[in-house]
Every structure is written in structure tokens, then in C-alpha cells.
Amino acid sequence: MAEPSNNVRRALRGHLGHLLELNDKVHEICSAGGSSSVRFNYLHCLDGEMRDDIVRSLEDFRQEVN
């Protein structure tokens, strides 16, 4: 498989950054205990270990891109 171009690497790094930010936001929403908002009832909140695995996988992929 050919090496990705610098433009592709830059785009991937940007997308990975956004995914990590979204992951943090979902975690914040799920951790907002005591909220009675209906939308929280529809979220599947990951436990700490699953969340850590996702972050680790995204960080590993970012290292490969770099």
C-alpha cells in the first residue's frame, strides 16, 4: 500500500482530533449526573474501560499517521 500524501495525513490528523473531541463531549454529557433531560436517556454511555480503549486506538492510529 502506498504511503498517504501529506494532504491526506493532515486531513486524517484533523479528523482524529475531532473524534477525540467528540468522545470527550459524549463523556461530559454522560457524566452530567442528575439531569432529567430526555435526550440523555437515548445515549449509550461507555464505561471507563471501553472509553479508554477507544481513545487509545485513536491515539495509536494518530501515531501511525504521523
N, C-alpha and C. Protein backbone atom coordinates (compact mmCIF):
# COMPACT_ATOMS: atom_id res chain seq x y z
N MET A 1 0.84 -1.17 0.00
CA MET A 1 0.00 0.00 0.00
C MET A 1 0.89 1.24 0.00
N ALA A 2 0.54 2.20 -0.82
CA ALA A 2 1.33 3.41 -0.95
C ALA A 2 1.18 4.30 0.28
N GLU A 3 2.23 5.04 0.56
CA GLU A 3 2.20 5.99 1.68
C GLU A 3 1.20 7.10 1.36
N PRO A 4 0.41 7.52 2.36
CA PRO A 4 -0.53 8.62 2.12
C PRO A 4 0.22 9.94 1.92
N SER A 5 -0.35 10.79 1.12
CA SER A 5 0.27 12.10 0.86
C SER A 5 0.17 12.96 2.11
N ASN A 6 0.92 14.06 2.11
CA ASN A 6 0.88 14.99 3.24
C ASN A 6 -0.51 15.57 3.45
N ASN A 7 -1.23 15.82 2.36
CA ASN A 7 -2.59 16.34 2.47
C ASN A 7 -3.52 15.34 3.15
N VAL A 8 -3.38 14.07 2.80
CA VAL A 8 -4.20 13.03 3.40
C VAL A 8 -3.85 12.89 4.88
N ARG A 9 -2.57 12.94 5.20
CA ARG A 9 -2.14 12.86 6.61
C ARG A 9 -2.71 14.02 7.41
N ARG A 10 -2.65 15.21 6.86
CA ARG A 10 -3.17 16.40 7.54
C ARG A 10 -4.67 16.26 7.78
N ALA A 11 -5.38 15.79 6.78
CA ALA A 11 -6.83 15.59 6.92
C ALA A 11 -7.14 14.54 7.98
N LEU A 12 -6.41 13.44 7.97
CA LEU A 12 -6.63 12.38 8.96
C LEU A 12 -6.36 12.89 10.37
N ARG A 13 -5.28 13.66 10.55
CA ARG A 13 -4.99 14.21 11.87
C ARG A 13 -6.12 15.12 12.34
N GLY A 14 -6.67 15.92 11.43
CA GLY A 14 -7.79 16.78 11.78
C GLY A 14 -9.02 15.99 12.17
N HIS A 15 -9.33 14.96 11.41
CA HIS A 15 -10.50 14.13 11.72
C HIS A 15 -10.31 13.38 13.03
N LEU A 16 -9.11 12.88 13.27
CA LEU A 16 -8.84 12.19 14.53
C LEU A 16 -9.00 13.14 15.72
N GLY A 17 -8.53 14.37 15.55
CA GLY A 17 -8.70 15.37 16.60
C GLY A 17 -10.16 15.63 16.91
N HIS A 18 -10.97 15.72 15.85
CA HIS A 18 -12.41 15.93 16.04
C HIS A 18 -13.06 14.73 16.73
N LEU A 19 -12.65 13.53 16.34
CA LEU A 19 -13.20 12.33 17.00
C LEU A 19 -12.87 12.31 18.49
N LEU A 20 -11.65 12.69 18.84
CA LEU A 20 -11.27 12.73 20.25
C LEU A 20 -12.07 13.79 21.01
N GLU A 21 -12.29 14.95 20.36
CA GLU A 21 -13.10 16.00 20.99
C GLU A 21 -14.54 15.53 21.19
N LEU A 22 -15.11 14.88 20.17
CA LEU A 22 -16.47 14.36 20.30
C LEU A 22 -16.56 13.31 21.40
N ASN A 23 -15.56 12.48 21.51
CA ASN A 23 -15.53 11.48 22.56
C ASN A 23 -15.56 12.15 23.93
N ASP A 24 -14.79 13.22 24.09
CA ASP A 24 -14.79 13.96 25.35
C ASP A 24 -16.15 14.59 25.64
N LYS A 25 -16.79 15.13 24.61
CA LYS A 25 -18.10 15.75 24.80
C LYS A 25 -19.15 14.73 25.20
N VAL A 26 -19.12 13.56 24.57
CA VAL A 26 -20.06 12.50 24.93
C VAL A 26 -19.83 12.07 26.37
N HIS A 27 -18.56 11.98 26.75
CA HIS A 27 -18.25 11.62 28.13
C HIS A 27 -18.79 12.66 29.11
N GLU A 28 -18.65 13.95 28.77
CA GLU A 28 -19.18 15.02 29.62
C GLU A 28 -20.69 14.91 29.75
N ILE A 29 -21.37 14.65 28.64
CA ILE A 29 -22.82 14.53 28.66
C ILE A 29 -23.24 13.35 29.53
N CYS A 30 -22.57 12.23 29.35
CA CYS A 30 -22.92 11.04 30.12
C CYS A 30 -22.60 11.20 31.59
N SER A 31 -21.64 12.03 31.90
CA SER A 31 -21.25 12.24 33.29
C SER A 31 -22.07 13.33 33.97
N ALA A 32 -22.94 13.97 33.23
CA ALA A 32 -23.76 15.05 33.81
C ALA A 32 -24.87 14.41 34.62
N GLY A 33 -24.51 13.90 35.76
CA GLY A 33 -25.47 13.19 36.63
C GLY A 33 -26.56 14.12 37.11
N GLY A 34 -27.69 13.53 37.38
CA GLY A 34 -28.81 14.28 37.92
C GLY A 34 -29.62 15.05 36.89
N SER A 35 -29.25 14.96 35.64
CA SER A 35 -30.01 15.67 34.61
C SER A 35 -31.25 14.86 34.25
N SER A 36 -32.34 15.55 34.09
CA SER A 36 -33.58 14.85 33.75
C SER A 36 -33.91 15.00 32.27
N SER A 37 -32.98 15.50 31.50
CA SER A 37 -33.22 15.70 30.07
C SER A 37 -33.50 14.36 29.40
N VAL A 38 -34.48 14.36 28.53
CA VAL A 38 -34.88 13.13 27.83
C VAL A 38 -33.77 12.63 26.92
N ARG A 39 -33.01 13.53 26.32
CA ARG A 39 -32.00 13.08 25.35
C ARG A 39 -30.94 12.21 25.99
N PHE A 40 -30.65 12.39 27.28
CA PHE A 40 -29.67 11.56 27.95
C PHE A 40 -30.13 10.11 28.03
N ASN A 41 -31.43 9.89 28.02
CA ASN A 41 -31.96 8.53 28.09
C ASN A 41 -31.67 7.74 26.82
N TYR A 42 -31.35 8.42 25.73
CA TYR A 42 -31.12 7.75 24.45
C TYR A 42 -29.65 7.47 24.18
N LEU A 43 -28.78 7.95 25.05
CA LEU A 43 -27.35 7.76 24.83
C LEU A 43 -26.89 6.44 25.41
N HIS A 44 -26.04 5.78 24.67
CA HIS A 44 -25.37 4.60 25.21
C HIS A 44 -24.03 5.09 25.74
N CYS A 45 -23.92 5.19 27.03
CA CYS A 45 -22.71 5.70 27.65
C CYS A 45 -21.72 4.56 27.88
N LEU A 46 -20.50 4.78 27.45
CA LEU A 46 -19.47 3.77 27.59
C LEU A 46 -18.89 3.81 28.99
N ASP A 47 -18.51 2.65 29.47
CA ASP A 47 -17.83 2.65 30.77
C ASP A 47 -16.39 3.13 30.56
N GLY A 48 -15.69 3.36 31.64
CA GLY A 48 -14.35 3.92 31.57
C GLY A 48 -13.38 3.11 30.75
N GLU A 49 -13.45 1.79 30.90
CA GLU A 49 -12.52 0.93 30.18
C GLU A 49 -12.75 0.97 28.67
N MET A 50 -14.01 0.92 28.26
CA MET A 50 -14.32 0.98 26.83
C MET A 50 -13.89 2.32 26.24
N ARG A 51 -14.16 3.39 26.98
CA ARG A 51 -13.77 4.72 26.53
C ARG A 51 -12.25 4.82 26.39
N ASP A 52 -11.53 4.29 27.35
CA ASP A 52 -10.07 4.30 27.30
C ASP A 52 -9.55 3.52 26.10
N ASP A 53 -10.20 2.40 25.78
CA ASP A 53 -9.80 1.61 24.61
C ASP A 53 -9.99 2.40 23.32
N ILE A 54 -11.09 3.13 23.22
CA ILE A 54 -11.35 3.94 22.03
C ILE A 54 -10.30 5.03 21.89
N VAL A 55 -10.05 5.74 22.98
CA VAL A 55 -9.06 6.82 22.95
C VAL A 55 -7.69 6.27 22.59
N ARG A 56 -7.31 5.13 23.19
CA ARG A 56 -6.02 4.52 22.90
C ARG A 56 -5.92 4.12 21.42
N SER A 57 -6.98 3.57 20.87
CA SER A 57 -6.98 3.19 19.45
C SER A 57 -6.83 4.40 18.55
N LEU A 58 -7.55 5.47 18.86
CA LEU A 58 -7.44 6.69 18.06
C LEU A 58 -6.05 7.29 18.17
N GLU A 59 -5.48 7.29 19.36
CA GLU A 59 -4.12 7.82 19.55
C GLU A 59 -3.09 6.97 18.81
N ASP A 60 -3.26 5.64 18.84
CA ASP A 60 -2.35 4.75 18.10
C ASP A 60 -2.43 5.03 16.61
N PHE A 61 -3.65 5.22 16.11
CA PHE A 61 -3.81 5.50 14.69
C PHE A 61 -3.16 6.85 14.34
N ARG A 62 -3.31 7.84 15.25
CA ARG A 62 -2.70 9.13 15.01
C ARG A 62 -1.17 8.99 14.91
N GLN A 63 -0.58 8.15 15.76
CA GLN A 63 0.86 7.91 15.71
C GLN A 63 1.26 7.30 14.37
N GLU A 64 0.46 6.38 13.87
CA GLU A 64 0.75 5.78 12.57
C GLU A 64 0.69 6.81 11.45
N VAL A 65 -0.29 7.71 11.54
CA VAL A 65 -0.43 8.75 10.52
C VAL A 65 0.77 9.69 10.54
N ASN A 66 1.24 10.00 11.75
CA ASN A 66 2.40 10.89 11.88
C ASN A 66 3.65 10.20 11.38
